[in-house]
Each structure stands twice: as C-alpha cells, then as structure tokens.
Amino acid sequence: MPQLDNEKVVVVLNKLLEAELAGVVRYTHYSFLVFGFTRIPIVSWLREQASESMAHAQEVGEWITTLGAYPSLEIGPLLDSHKHDISAILRESLEAEAAALILYRELLGLAQGISVALEEFARKMIFVEEVHAAEVDKMLRRPGGLGSVSARND
C-alpha cells in the first residue's frame, strides 16, 4: 500500500491555507467597496463568502496539524484590479477560486487511493469550489443570457 507523501501534501495544504486566508481578506475588502441600490444583498453575500473562506482555512489548518506539520502564517496573493464595480469584483473572485480549485485537485491527486479521509476532504472542497464558481458565473451573466461567462471573452 502506498504511503501518503506528507511533505508534498503539507506544501499543498499550506498553499490552500494561504489562499483561503487571502479569500477572507479579499471578500471582506470587497464588501467595503459596494455602493448603489444593490449594496445590501451584495455586501451580505461577500461577507458570507469571507466567512466560508475562514471555515475552509480552519479545516485546512486542522489537516496540516493532523499531519504533524506547522500551518503557514502567510496570506496568499491579494488580487486587486482597483476596479470596484461588481463585475470586476466577481471576475477577480472567479480567478482566485480557479487557483484554489487547482490546488484542491492537486491535493486530491496526492491523497487518492492512499487516505480516504483526506481524499474525501479534497473532493468535498472541489465540489464546494465548483458550485461557487458556477454561482459567480451566473451572477456575471447578462439578464436573459444563458451562456457561461467563462466561455465569452467580453
């Protein structure tokens, strides 16, 4: 039976921890920059995303210590185009979520067939990130449009 490569897994988990903590900061920051008639529901949604990122960071941190390693104190890249319309904010969010999704898929590859618990954690997180990306994609669509934003170049 193959053994889990703890060193590689912890590297990926620490990158995920940093990405999720960056999500907390990013979504909180975005929530300060929303103005207009739709402010209340959008700010509420952004702050929910910040809370979800914190919960993800906590789960990832627990995995790191479960594997006997030290959780990173770093925060991942904070994307900021300095364009603060809702569309730009959501596009930046999609970009960050895509990067996290790559890391969760890497984690799944490292755990697959070796650690059922870690594999299931990675699968759960991939599911959550894919659903989140799909929701953001829908938010970016023009009213009445059915085509995915990620398939367009506008």
N, C-alpha and C. Protein backbone atom coordinates (compact mmCIF):
# COMPACT_ATOMS: atom_id res chain seq x y z
N MET A 1 0.85 -1.18 0.00
CA MET A 1 0.00 0.00 0.00
C MET A 1 0.89 1.25 0.00
N PRO A 2 0.65 2.16 -0.92
CA PRO A 2 1.47 3.39 -0.96
C PRO A 2 1.22 4.26 0.28
N GLN A 3 2.25 4.97 0.65
CA GLN A 3 2.17 5.88 1.80
C GLN A 3 1.90 7.30 1.31
N LEU A 4 1.21 8.05 2.13
CA LEU A 4 0.96 9.46 1.84
C LEU A 4 2.28 10.22 1.91
N ASP A 5 2.57 11.02 0.91
CA ASP A 5 3.77 11.85 0.92
C ASP A 5 3.44 13.11 1.71
N ASN A 6 3.62 13.01 3.03
CA ASN A 6 3.24 14.11 3.92
C ASN A 6 3.86 15.45 3.52
N GLU A 7 5.11 15.40 3.09
CA GLU A 7 5.80 16.65 2.75
C GLU A 7 5.09 17.37 1.59
N LYS A 8 4.78 16.63 0.54
CA LYS A 8 4.08 17.22 -0.61
C LYS A 8 2.67 17.67 -0.24
N VAL A 9 1.99 16.84 0.54
CA VAL A 9 0.62 17.16 0.96
C VAL A 9 0.61 18.44 1.79
N VAL A 10 1.54 18.56 2.72
CA VAL A 10 1.59 19.74 3.58
C VAL A 10 1.92 21.00 2.78
N VAL A 11 2.77 20.88 1.77
CA VAL A 11 3.06 22.04 0.91
C VAL A 11 1.76 22.52 0.25
N VAL A 12 0.99 21.59 -0.30
CA VAL A 12 -0.28 21.95 -0.96
C VAL A 12 -1.26 22.50 0.06
N LEU A 13 -1.37 21.84 1.21
CA LEU A 13 -2.29 22.32 2.25
C LEU A 13 -1.92 23.73 2.71
N ASN A 14 -0.64 24.02 2.87
CA ASN A 14 -0.24 25.37 3.28
C ASN A 14 -0.57 26.40 2.20
N LYS A 15 -0.42 26.04 0.94
CA LYS A 15 -0.82 26.94 -0.15
C LYS A 15 -2.33 27.18 -0.10
N LEU A 16 -3.07 26.12 0.19
CA LEU A 16 -4.53 26.26 0.32
C LEU A 16 -4.90 27.14 1.51
N LEU A 17 -4.21 26.94 2.62
CA LEU A 17 -4.46 27.77 3.80
C LEU A 17 -4.24 29.24 3.46
N GLU A 18 -3.14 29.52 2.80
CA GLU A 18 -2.83 30.90 2.41
C GLU A 18 -3.88 31.46 1.44
N ALA A 19 -4.33 30.63 0.50
CA ALA A 19 -5.35 31.06 -0.46
C ALA A 19 -6.68 31.35 0.23
N GLU A 20 -7.06 30.47 1.17
CA GLU A 20 -8.34 30.68 1.87
C GLU A 20 -8.27 31.91 2.77
N LEU A 21 -7.14 32.12 3.43
CA LEU A 21 -7.00 33.33 4.26
C LEU A 21 -7.02 34.59 3.39
N ALA A 22 -6.43 34.51 2.21
CA ALA A 22 -6.50 35.64 1.28
C ALA A 22 -7.96 35.89 0.88
N GLY A 23 -8.73 34.82 0.75
CA GLY A 23 -10.16 34.96 0.45
C GLY A 23 -10.90 35.71 1.53
N VAL A 24 -10.56 35.45 2.78
CA VAL A 24 -11.19 36.17 3.90
C VAL A 24 -10.93 37.67 3.75
N VAL A 25 -9.67 38.01 3.51
CA VAL A 25 -9.29 39.42 3.37
C VAL A 25 -9.95 40.03 2.14
N ARG A 26 -9.85 39.32 1.01
CA ARG A 26 -10.36 39.83 -0.26
C ARG A 26 -11.86 40.08 -0.19
N TYR A 27 -12.64 39.09 0.25
CA TYR A 27 -14.09 39.26 0.29
C TYR A 27 -14.50 40.34 1.29
N THR A 28 -13.82 40.43 2.41
CA THR A 28 -14.11 41.49 3.37
C THR A 28 -13.82 42.86 2.76
N HIS A 29 -12.67 42.97 2.11
CA HIS A 29 -12.29 44.23 1.45
C HIS A 29 -13.32 44.62 0.39
N TYR A 30 -13.69 43.65 -0.45
CA TYR A 30 -14.69 43.92 -1.48
C TYR A 30 -15.99 44.44 -0.86
N SER A 31 -16.37 43.88 0.28
CA SER A 31 -17.65 44.26 0.88
C SER A 31 -17.69 45.74 1.27
N PHE A 32 -16.53 46.34 1.48
CA PHE A 32 -16.48 47.77 1.81
C PHE A 32 -16.69 48.65 0.58
N LEU A 33 -16.52 48.08 -0.61
CA LEU A 33 -16.46 48.87 -1.83
C LEU A 33 -17.72 48.80 -2.69
N VAL A 34 -18.79 48.25 -2.15
CA VAL A 34 -20.03 48.12 -2.91
C VAL A 34 -20.95 49.29 -2.56
N PHE A 35 -21.42 49.94 -3.62
CA PHE A 35 -22.32 51.08 -3.45
C PHE A 35 -23.51 50.93 -4.39
N GLY A 36 -24.55 51.68 -4.13
CA GLY A 36 -25.71 51.67 -5.01
C GLY A 36 -26.87 50.90 -4.42
N PHE A 37 -27.91 50.77 -5.24
CA PHE A 37 -29.17 50.16 -4.80
C PHE A 37 -29.03 48.69 -4.41
N THR A 38 -28.07 48.01 -4.96
CA THR A 38 -27.92 46.58 -4.68
C THR A 38 -26.90 46.30 -3.58
N ARG A 39 -26.48 47.33 -2.87
CA ARG A 39 -25.43 47.19 -1.86
C ARG A 39 -25.74 46.12 -0.82
N ILE A 40 -26.90 46.17 -0.22
CA ILE A 40 -27.20 45.31 0.93
C ILE A 40 -27.09 43.82 0.59
N PRO A 41 -27.74 43.32 -0.46
CA PRO A 41 -27.59 41.88 -0.72
C PRO A 41 -26.18 41.49 -1.17
N ILE A 42 -25.50 42.35 -1.90
CA ILE A 42 -24.17 42.01 -2.38
C ILE A 42 -23.16 42.03 -1.23
N VAL A 43 -23.24 43.03 -0.36
CA VAL A 43 -22.35 43.07 0.80
C VAL A 43 -22.59 41.84 1.66
N SER A 44 -23.84 41.49 1.85
CA SER A 44 -24.17 40.31 2.64
C SER A 44 -23.57 39.05 2.02
N TRP A 45 -23.67 38.90 0.72
CA TRP A 45 -23.12 37.75 0.02
C TRP A 45 -21.60 37.72 0.14
N LEU A 46 -20.95 38.87 -0.04
CA LEU A 46 -19.49 38.93 0.06
C LEU A 46 -19.02 38.55 1.46
N ARG A 47 -19.72 39.01 2.46
CA ARG A 47 -19.33 38.68 3.84
C ARG A 47 -19.58 37.21 4.15
N GLU A 48 -20.61 36.63 3.55
CA GLU A 48 -20.81 35.18 3.68
C GLU A 48 -19.64 34.42 3.06
N GLN A 49 -19.15 34.92 1.93
CA GLN A 49 -18.01 34.29 1.27
C GLN A 49 -16.76 34.39 2.15
N ALA A 50 -16.58 35.54 2.81
CA ALA A 50 -15.45 35.70 3.72
C ALA A 50 -15.54 34.69 4.87
N SER A 51 -16.72 34.51 5.40
CA SER A 51 -16.92 33.54 6.49
C SER A 51 -16.66 32.12 6.00
N GLU A 52 -17.11 31.82 4.79
CA GLU A 52 -16.88 30.49 4.22
C GLU A 52 -15.38 30.25 4.01
N SER A 53 -14.67 31.26 3.54
CA SER A 53 -13.22 31.12 3.36
C SER A 53 -12.53 30.87 4.69
N MET A 54 -13.00 31.53 5.74
CA MET A 54 -12.42 31.32 7.07
C MET A 54 -12.67 29.88 7.54
N ALA A 55 -13.87 29.38 7.31
CA ALA A 55 -14.18 27.99 7.68
C ALA A 55 -13.28 27.02 6.91
N HIS A 56 -13.07 27.31 5.62
CA HIS A 56 -12.19 26.46 4.82
C HIS A 56 -10.76 26.51 5.34
N ALA A 57 -10.30 27.71 5.67
CA ALA A 57 -8.94 27.87 6.22
C ALA A 57 -8.79 27.07 7.51
N GLN A 58 -9.80 27.09 8.34
CA GLN A 58 -9.74 26.34 9.60
C GLN A 58 -9.66 24.83 9.34
N GLU A 59 -10.46 24.35 8.38
CA GLU A 59 -10.41 22.92 8.04
C GLU A 59 -9.03 22.54 7.50
N VAL A 60 -8.50 23.36 6.62
CA VAL A 60 -7.19 23.08 6.05
C VAL A 60 -6.12 23.09 7.14
N GLY A 61 -6.18 24.09 8.02
CA GLY A 61 -5.22 24.17 9.12
C GLY A 61 -5.27 22.95 10.02
N GLU A 62 -6.45 22.45 10.26
CA GLU A 62 -6.59 21.23 11.07
C GLU A 62 -5.93 20.04 10.38
N TRP A 63 -6.06 19.96 9.06
CA TRP A 63 -5.40 18.88 8.33
C TRP A 63 -3.88 18.99 8.44
N ILE A 64 -3.38 20.21 8.37
CA ILE A 64 -1.93 20.41 8.46
C ILE A 64 -1.41 19.90 9.80
N THR A 65 -2.10 20.26 10.87
CA THR A 65 -1.63 19.82 12.19
C THR A 65 -1.90 18.33 12.40
N THR A 66 -2.93 17.79 11.79
CA THR A 66 -3.18 16.35 11.85
C THR A 66 -2.00 15.59 11.28
N LEU A 67 -1.40 16.16 10.23
CA LEU A 67 -0.26 15.52 9.59
C LEU A 67 1.06 15.85 10.29
N GLY A 68 0.97 16.52 11.44
CA GLY A 68 2.16 16.80 12.25
C GLY A 68 3.00 17.95 11.75
N ALA A 69 2.40 18.86 11.00
CA ALA A 69 3.15 19.97 10.42
C ALA A 69 2.65 21.30 11.00
N TYR A 70 3.38 22.34 10.64
CA TYR A 70 3.11 23.69 11.14
C TYR A 70 2.37 24.50 10.08
N PRO A 71 1.19 25.04 10.43
CA PRO A 71 0.43 25.84 9.46
C PRO A 71 1.14 27.16 9.13
N SER A 72 1.08 27.52 7.87
CA SER A 72 1.68 28.76 7.40
C SER A 72 1.01 29.98 8.05
N LEU A 73 1.82 31.00 8.26
CA LEU A 73 1.30 32.28 8.75
C LEU A 73 1.17 33.30 7.62
N GLU A 74 1.44 32.85 6.41
CA GLU A 74 1.37 33.74 5.24
C GLU A 74 -0.07 33.86 4.75
N ILE A 75 -0.29 34.89 3.94
CA ILE A 75 -1.57 35.07 3.26
C ILE A 75 -1.25 35.06 1.77
N GLY A 76 -2.06 34.35 1.01
CA GLY A 76 -1.84 34.24 -0.43
C GLY A 76 -2.00 35.56 -1.14
N PRO A 77 -1.78 35.55 -2.45
CA PRO A 77 -1.86 36.78 -3.24
C PRO A 77 -3.24 37.44 -3.11
N LEU A 78 -3.21 38.73 -3.00
CA LEU A 78 -4.44 39.51 -2.92
C LEU A 78 -4.62 40.26 -4.24
N LEU A 79 -5.45 39.69 -5.11
CA LEU A 79 -5.72 40.32 -6.39
C LEU A 79 -6.53 41.59 -6.17
N ASP A 80 -6.16 42.64 -6.84
CA ASP A 80 -6.96 43.86 -6.76
C ASP A 80 -6.68 44.69 -8.00
N SER A 81 -7.66 44.72 -8.88
CA SER A 81 -7.52 45.49 -10.12
C SER A 81 -7.78 46.97 -9.89
N HIS A 82 -8.23 47.30 -8.68
CA HIS A 82 -8.64 48.66 -8.34
C HIS A 82 -9.83 49.11 -9.18
N LYS A 83 -10.54 48.15 -9.75
CA LYS A 83 -11.83 48.39 -10.41
C LYS A 83 -12.86 47.85 -9.45
N HIS A 84 -13.75 48.69 -9.01
CA HIS A 84 -14.62 48.28 -7.92
C HIS A 84 -16.08 48.13 -8.31
N ASP A 85 -16.33 47.98 -9.61
CA ASP A 85 -17.70 47.65 -9.97
C ASP A 85 -17.91 46.16 -9.67
N ILE A 86 -19.14 45.78 -9.50
CA ILE A 86 -19.46 44.42 -9.08
C ILE A 86 -18.91 43.39 -10.07
N SER A 87 -18.99 43.68 -11.34
CA SER A 87 -18.48 42.75 -12.35
C SER A 87 -16.99 42.49 -12.17
N ALA A 88 -16.20 43.53 -11.95
CA ALA A 88 -14.76 43.36 -11.76
C ALA A 88 -14.47 42.56 -10.49
N ILE A 89 -15.20 42.86 -9.44
CA ILE A 89 -15.04 42.14 -8.17
C ILE A 89 -15.33 40.65 -8.37
N LEU A 90 -16.41 40.34 -9.07
CA LEU A 90 -16.78 38.94 -9.29
C LEU A 90 -15.78 38.23 -10.19
N ARG A 91 -15.26 38.93 -11.18
CA ARG A 91 -14.26 38.32 -12.06
C ARG A 91 -12.97 38.01 -11.29
N GLU A 92 -12.56 38.93 -10.42
CA GLU A 92 -11.39 38.66 -9.57
C GLU A 92 -11.66 37.47 -8.66
N SER A 93 -12.87 37.39 -8.16
CA SER A 93 -13.25 36.26 -7.31
C SER A 93 -13.15 34.95 -8.07
N LEU A 94 -13.64 34.94 -9.30
CA LEU A 94 -13.55 33.73 -10.13
C LEU A 94 -12.11 33.31 -10.36
N GLU A 95 -11.25 34.28 -10.60
CA GLU A 95 -9.83 33.99 -10.83
C GLU A 95 -9.19 33.35 -9.59
N ALA A 96 -9.49 33.90 -8.43
CA ALA A 96 -8.93 33.36 -7.19
C ALA A 96 -9.49 31.97 -6.89
N GLU A 97 -10.77 31.79 -7.15
CA GLU A 97 -11.39 30.49 -6.90
C GLU A 97 -10.82 29.43 -7.85
N ALA A 98 -10.52 29.82 -9.08
CA ALA A 98 -9.93 28.88 -10.04
C ALA A 98 -8.56 28.42 -9.55
N ALA A 99 -7.79 29.32 -8.99
CA ALA A 99 -6.46 28.97 -8.46
C ALA A 99 -6.59 28.00 -7.29
N ALA A 100 -7.56 28.25 -6.40
CA ALA A 100 -7.78 27.35 -5.27
C ALA A 100 -8.24 25.98 -5.75
N LEU A 101 -9.07 25.97 -6.77
CA LEU A 101 -9.57 24.71 -7.31
C LEU A 101 -8.42 23.84 -7.84
N ILE A 102 -7.46 24.46 -8.48
CA ILE A 102 -6.27 23.73 -8.97
C ILE A 102 -5.55 23.07 -7.79
N LEU A 103 -5.41 23.81 -6.69
CA LEU A 103 -4.73 23.26 -5.51
C LEU A 103 -5.52 22.12 -4.88
N TYR A 104 -6.84 22.27 -4.78
CA TYR A 104 -7.65 21.18 -4.21
C TYR A 104 -7.57 19.93 -5.11
N ARG A 105 -7.51 20.12 -6.41
CA ARG A 105 -7.36 18.97 -7.32
C ARG A 105 -5.99 18.32 -7.13
N GLU A 106 -4.97 19.14 -6.91
CA GLU A 106 -3.63 18.60 -6.64
C GLU A 106 -3.64 17.78 -5.35
N LEU A 107 -4.32 18.30 -4.33
CA LEU A 107 -4.45 17.58 -3.06
C LEU A 107 -5.15 16.24 -3.29
N LEU A 108 -6.22 16.25 -4.07
CA LEU A 108 -6.92 15.01 -4.37
C LEU A 108 -5.99 14.00 -5.03
N GLY A 109 -5.19 14.46 -5.97
CA GLY A 109 -4.25 13.57 -6.64
C GLY A 109 -3.25 12.94 -5.68
N LEU A 110 -2.80 13.72 -4.70
CA LEU A 110 -1.83 13.20 -3.73
C LEU A 110 -2.46 12.21 -2.74
N ALA A 111 -3.75 12.39 -2.46
CA ALA A 111 -4.41 11.56 -1.45
C ALA A 111 -5.13 10.35 -2.04
N GLN A 112 -5.44 10.41 -3.32
CA GLN A 112 -6.27 9.39 -3.95
C GLN A 112 -5.70 7.99 -3.79
N GLY A 113 -6.55 7.12 -3.26
CA GLY A 113 -6.17 5.73 -3.06
C GLY A 113 -5.24 5.49 -1.88
N ILE A 114 -4.93 6.55 -1.13
CA ILE A 114 -4.00 6.42 -0.01
C ILE A 114 -4.68 6.78 1.32
N SER A 115 -5.36 7.93 1.33
CA SER A 115 -6.05 8.39 2.53
C SER A 115 -7.49 8.73 2.19
N VAL A 116 -8.41 7.87 2.61
CA VAL A 116 -9.82 8.08 2.30
C VAL A 116 -10.31 9.41 2.89
N ALA A 117 -9.92 9.70 4.12
CA ALA A 117 -10.39 10.93 4.77
C ALA A 117 -9.90 12.18 4.04
N LEU A 118 -8.62 12.21 3.71
CA LEU A 118 -8.07 13.37 3.01
C LEU A 118 -8.62 13.45 1.59
N GLU A 119 -8.80 12.32 0.97
CA GLU A 119 -9.39 12.27 -0.37
C GLU A 119 -10.81 12.83 -0.35
N GLU A 120 -11.59 12.41 0.63
CA GLU A 120 -12.97 12.91 0.74
C GLU A 120 -13.01 14.40 1.05
N PHE A 121 -12.08 14.86 1.88
CA PHE A 121 -11.99 16.30 2.15
C PHE A 121 -11.72 17.06 0.85
N ALA A 122 -10.76 16.59 0.08
CA ALA A 122 -10.42 17.26 -1.19
C ALA A 122 -11.62 17.24 -2.13
N ARG A 123 -12.31 16.12 -2.22
CA ARG A 123 -13.50 16.03 -3.09
C ARG A 123 -14.58 17.00 -2.63
N LYS A 124 -14.80 17.07 -1.33
CA LYS A 124 -15.81 17.99 -0.81
C LYS A 124 -15.47 19.43 -1.17
N MET A 125 -14.20 19.78 -1.02
CA MET A 125 -13.78 21.15 -1.30
C MET A 125 -13.85 21.46 -2.79
N ILE A 126 -13.52 20.50 -3.63
CA ILE A 126 -13.65 20.68 -5.08
C ILE A 126 -15.11 20.91 -5.42
N PHE A 127 -16.00 20.13 -4.84
CA PHE A 127 -17.44 20.31 -5.06
C PHE A 127 -17.87 21.72 -4.67
N VAL A 128 -17.48 22.16 -3.48
CA VAL A 128 -17.87 23.49 -2.99
C VAL A 128 -17.34 24.58 -3.91
N GLU A 129 -16.07 24.46 -4.31
CA GLU A 129 -15.46 25.48 -5.17
C GLU A 129 -16.11 25.50 -6.56
N GLU A 130 -16.44 24.34 -7.10
CA GLU A 130 -17.08 24.29 -8.41
C GLU A 130 -18.48 24.91 -8.36
N VAL A 131 -19.23 24.61 -7.32
CA VAL A 131 -20.56 25.19 -7.17
C VAL A 131 -20.45 26.71 -7.01
N HIS A 132 -19.49 27.15 -6.21
CA HIS A 132 -19.29 28.59 -6.02
C HIS A 132 -18.95 29.27 -7.35
N ALA A 133 -18.04 28.69 -8.11
CA ALA A 133 -17.66 29.26 -9.40
C ALA A 133 -18.86 29.32 -10.34
N ALA A 134 -19.70 28.30 -10.31
CA ALA A 134 -20.90 28.29 -11.16
C ALA A 134 -21.86 29.41 -10.76
N GLU A 135 -22.00 29.64 -9.47
CA GLU A 135 -22.87 30.72 -8.99
C GLU A 135 -22.33 32.09 -9.41
N VAL A 136 -21.03 32.29 -9.27
CA VAL A 136 -20.43 33.56 -9.67
C VAL A 136 -20.58 33.75 -11.17
N ASP A 137 -20.38 32.69 -11.93
CA ASP A 137 -20.57 32.75 -13.37
C ASP A 137 -22.00 33.20 -13.70
N LYS A 138 -22.99 32.67 -13.01
CA LYS A 138 -24.38 33.07 -13.24
C LYS A 138 -24.60 34.53 -12.86
N MET A 139 -23.94 34.98 -11.80
CA MET A 139 -24.09 36.38 -11.38
C MET A 139 -23.52 37.33 -12.43
N LEU A 140 -22.52 36.87 -13.17
CA LEU A 140 -21.88 37.72 -14.18
C LEU A 140 -22.63 37.73 -15.52
N ARG A 141 -23.56 36.84 -15.70
CA ARG A 141 -24.30 36.79 -16.96
C ARG A 141 -25.25 37.97 -17.10
N ARG A 142 -25.45 38.35 -18.34
CA ARG A 142 -26.43 39.40 -18.62
C ARG A 142 -27.82 38.81 -18.37
N PRO A 143 -28.74 39.62 -17.85
CA PRO A 143 -30.12 39.12 -17.68
C PRO A 143 -30.65 38.56 -19.00
N GLY A 144 -31.19 37.38 -18.93
CA GLY A 144 -31.73 36.71 -20.11
C GLY A 144 -30.70 35.87 -20.85
N GLY A 145 -29.42 36.01 -20.48
CA GLY A 145 -28.37 35.24 -21.15
C GLY A 145 -28.18 33.89 -20.50
N LEU A 146 -27.99 32.89 -21.33
CA LEU A 146 -27.80 31.55 -20.80
C LEU A 146 -26.35 31.10 -20.88
N GLY A 147 -25.57 31.69 -21.77
CA GLY A 147 -24.20 31.25 -21.98
C GLY A 147 -23.29 31.60 -20.82
N SER A 148 -22.40 30.69 -20.50
CA SER A 148 -21.43 30.88 -19.43
C SER A 148 -20.52 32.06 -19.73
N VAL A 149 -20.21 32.83 -18.70
CA VAL A 149 -19.30 33.97 -18.82
C VAL A 149 -17.90 33.47 -19.16
N SER A 150 -17.51 32.37 -18.57
CA SER A 150 -16.17 31.85 -18.80
C SER A 150 -15.96 31.41 -20.25
N ALA A 151 -17.04 31.21 -20.97
CA ALA A 151 -16.94 30.83 -22.39
C ALA A 151 -16.85 32.07 -23.29
N ARG A 152 -17.14 33.25 -22.73
CA ARG A 152 -17.09 34.50 -23.50
C ARG A 152 -15.80 35.24 -23.24
N ASN A 153 -15.47 36.15 -24.09
CA ASN A 153 -14.27 36.98 -23.92
C ASN A 153 -14.62 38.45 -23.82
N ASP A 154 -15.72 38.81 -23.19
CA ASP A 154 -16.07 40.23 -23.09
C ASP A 154 -15.72 40.85 -21.80
